[in-house]
Amino acid sequence: MSIVKRNNPFFPSLVNEFLGPDWFGGVDRWNTDLPAVNIKENDSGFALELAVPGAKKDDFKVEVDNDVLTISSEAKTESEESNENYTRKEFSYTAFKRAFTLPETVDGSKIDAKYESGILTLTLPKKEEALPKPKRLISIG
């Protein structure tokens, strides 16, 4: 089961846990246009990594609303030809939208994102009360 759950309007979360793409090797076999996602957890928070090669950081839109993190992108490209009487011209349009329900332990106001070498990385820090507490020696009186 995922700590950060996908928000899918067609399947309730419980059904999505059993019939969702995580059970099939982590790849959504029904929608191949979605970028693959890695989710890592450490003591201070989570990291989401999306594989989106060939994009620019201005192509992405990252939003948090009611504990739902939404990552979307739209990019249009067209090959430039100087002559109007061309024999071939190719247009390309790429778009995706991924939504994740944030766990209660994530501080949604401190999420950070960076795009480097085809990987969009989002850092989701944990709330102070969710961080592991250091050991404390209790004296016996």
Protein backbone atom coordinates (compact mmCIF):
# COMPACT_ATOMS: atom_id res chain seq x y z
CA MET A 1 0.00 0.00 0.00
CA SER A 2 1.21 3.51 -0.76
CA ILE A 3 1.78 6.15 1.89
CA VAL A 4 0.93 8.86 -0.62
CA LYS A 5 -2.22 7.61 -2.32
CA ARG A 6 -3.39 8.37 -5.81
CA ASN A 7 -6.58 10.36 -6.01
CA ASN A 8 -8.67 8.62 -8.65
CA PRO A 9 -12.25 9.81 -9.24
CA PHE A 10 -13.33 6.49 -10.81
CA PHE A 11 -12.29 4.20 -7.96
CA PRO A 12 -12.75 4.77 -4.24
CA SER A 13 -9.45 4.65 -2.36
CA LEU A 14 -9.99 1.15 -0.93
CA VAL A 15 -10.87 -0.31 -4.33
CA ASN A 16 -7.95 1.59 -5.85
CA GLU A 17 -5.58 -0.03 -3.34
CA PHE A 18 -6.56 -3.51 -4.53
CA LEU A 19 -7.17 -2.86 -8.21
CA GLY A 20 -4.77 0.04 -8.70
CA PRO A 21 -1.60 0.03 -10.77
CA ASP A 22 0.73 -0.51 -7.78
CA TRP A 23 -0.28 -4.17 -7.82
CA PHE A 24 0.97 -4.48 -11.41
CA GLY A 25 4.61 -3.54 -10.91
CA GLY A 26 4.13 0.17 -10.22
CA VAL A 27 3.22 1.08 -13.79
CA ASP A 28 -0.25 2.22 -14.74
CA ARG A 29 -0.93 -0.12 -17.64
CA TRP A 30 -4.16 1.63 -18.60
CA ASN A 31 -2.66 5.09 -19.14
CA THR A 32 0.80 5.08 -20.67
CA ASP A 33 0.86 8.89 -21.03
CA LEU A 34 1.40 9.40 -17.30
CA PRO A 35 4.99 9.83 -16.14
CA ALA A 36 6.39 7.17 -13.83
CA VAL A 37 6.65 8.19 -10.16
CA ASN A 38 9.02 7.13 -7.39
CA ILE A 39 8.08 7.93 -3.78
CA LYS A 40 10.78 7.88 -1.11
CA GLU A 41 10.46 8.43 2.62
CA ASN A 42 13.12 9.48 5.11
CA ASP A 43 13.04 10.83 8.68
CA SER A 44 12.32 14.42 7.60
CA GLY A 45 9.72 13.81 4.88
CA PHE A 46 8.92 12.35 1.49
CA ALA A 47 10.28 12.88 -2.03
CA LEU A 48 8.25 12.40 -5.20
CA GLU A 49 10.23 11.93 -8.41
CA LEU A 50 8.46 12.11 -11.76
CA ALA A 51 10.26 11.07 -14.95
CA VAL A 52 9.40 13.78 -17.50
CA PRO A 53 12.26 14.00 -20.01
CA GLY A 54 12.28 16.76 -22.60
CA ALA A 55 10.11 19.17 -20.62
CA LYS A 56 10.92 22.66 -19.35
CA LYS A 57 10.28 23.73 -15.78
CA ASP A 58 7.78 26.33 -17.04
CA ASP A 59 5.64 23.49 -18.47
CA PHE A 60 4.66 22.25 -14.96
CA LYS A 61 1.89 23.37 -12.66
CA VAL A 62 2.03 22.09 -9.05
CA GLU A 63 -0.87 22.81 -6.69
CA VAL A 64 -2.01 21.78 -3.23
CA ASP A 65 -5.72 22.04 -2.41
CA ASN A 66 -7.46 20.31 0.50
CA ASP A 67 -4.51 17.94 1.07
CA VAL A 68 -4.46 16.88 -2.58
CA LEU A 69 -1.21 17.49 -4.47
CA THR A 70 -1.84 17.94 -8.20
CA ILE A 71 0.97 17.93 -10.76
CA SER A 72 0.08 18.78 -14.35
CA SER A 73 1.87 19.73 -17.53
CA GLU A 74 0.99 20.91 -21.01
CA ALA A 75 3.55 21.34 -23.76
CA LYS A 76 3.07 22.08 -27.43
CA THR A 77 5.94 21.79 -29.88
CA GLU A 78 6.07 22.12 -33.61
CA SER A 79 8.91 21.75 -36.05
CA GLU A 80 9.78 25.00 -37.72
CA GLU A 81 10.06 25.09 -41.51
CA SER A 82 10.97 28.26 -43.35
CA ASN A 83 9.05 27.30 -46.47
CA GLU A 84 5.25 27.09 -46.58
CA ASN A 85 5.26 24.46 -49.31
CA TYR A 86 6.47 21.66 -47.07
CA THR A 87 6.06 17.95 -47.60
CA ARG A 88 6.02 17.12 -43.90
CA LYS A 89 5.33 19.04 -40.74
CA GLU A 90 4.95 17.43 -37.35
CA PHE A 91 3.10 18.82 -34.38
CA SER A 92 3.34 17.43 -30.88
CA TYR A 93 1.13 17.97 -27.86
CA THR A 94 1.87 16.42 -24.50
CA ALA A 95 -0.26 16.76 -21.38
CA PHE A 96 -0.69 14.88 -18.11
CA LYS A 97 -2.22 15.36 -14.70
CA ARG A 98 -1.39 13.34 -11.57
CA ALA A 99 -3.04 13.81 -8.18
CA PHE A 100 -1.89 12.46 -4.82
CA THR A 101 -3.67 12.61 -1.47
CA LEU A 102 -1.18 13.85 1.10
CA PRO A 103 -0.91 12.01 4.41
CA GLU A 104 -1.71 13.97 7.57
CA THR A 105 2.00 14.01 8.47
CA VAL A 106 3.01 16.22 5.49
CA ASP A 107 3.27 20.00 5.90
CA GLY A 108 1.62 21.14 2.64
CA SER A 109 2.77 24.76 3.07
CA LYS A 110 6.47 23.81 2.79
CA ILE A 111 6.46 21.66 -0.35
CA ASP A 112 9.36 22.45 -2.69
CA ALA A 113 9.92 21.43 -6.33
CA LYS A 114 12.86 21.34 -8.74
CA TYR A 115 13.32 20.07 -12.29
CA GLU A 116 16.71 18.72 -13.31
CA SER A 117 17.89 16.23 -15.97
CA GLY A 118 14.37 15.13 -16.90
CA ILE A 119 13.29 14.45 -13.30
CA LEU A 120 10.75 16.62 -11.47
CA THR A 121 11.47 16.23 -7.74
CA LEU A 122 9.04 17.41 -5.07
CA THR A 123 10.14 17.53 -1.45
CA LEU A 124 7.31 17.04 1.04
CA PRO A 125 8.53 17.77 4.58
CA LYS A 126 6.83 16.20 7.58
CA LYS A 127 5.12 18.34 10.22
CA GLU A 128 7.13 18.98 13.39
CA GLU A 129 4.87 16.71 15.46
CA ALA A 130 5.41 13.87 12.98
CA LEU A 131 9.22 14.00 13.08
CA PRO A 132 10.95 11.30 15.13
CA LYS A 133 11.75 12.48 18.65
CA PRO A 134 15.33 12.14 19.93
CA LYS A 135 16.05 9.80 22.80
CA ARG A 136 15.57 11.34 26.21
CA LEU A 137 17.17 10.12 29.39
CA ILE A 138 14.77 10.15 32.29
CA SER A 139 16.34 10.42 35.69
CA ILE A 140 14.95 8.35 38.52
CA GLY A 141 14.30 10.42 41.63
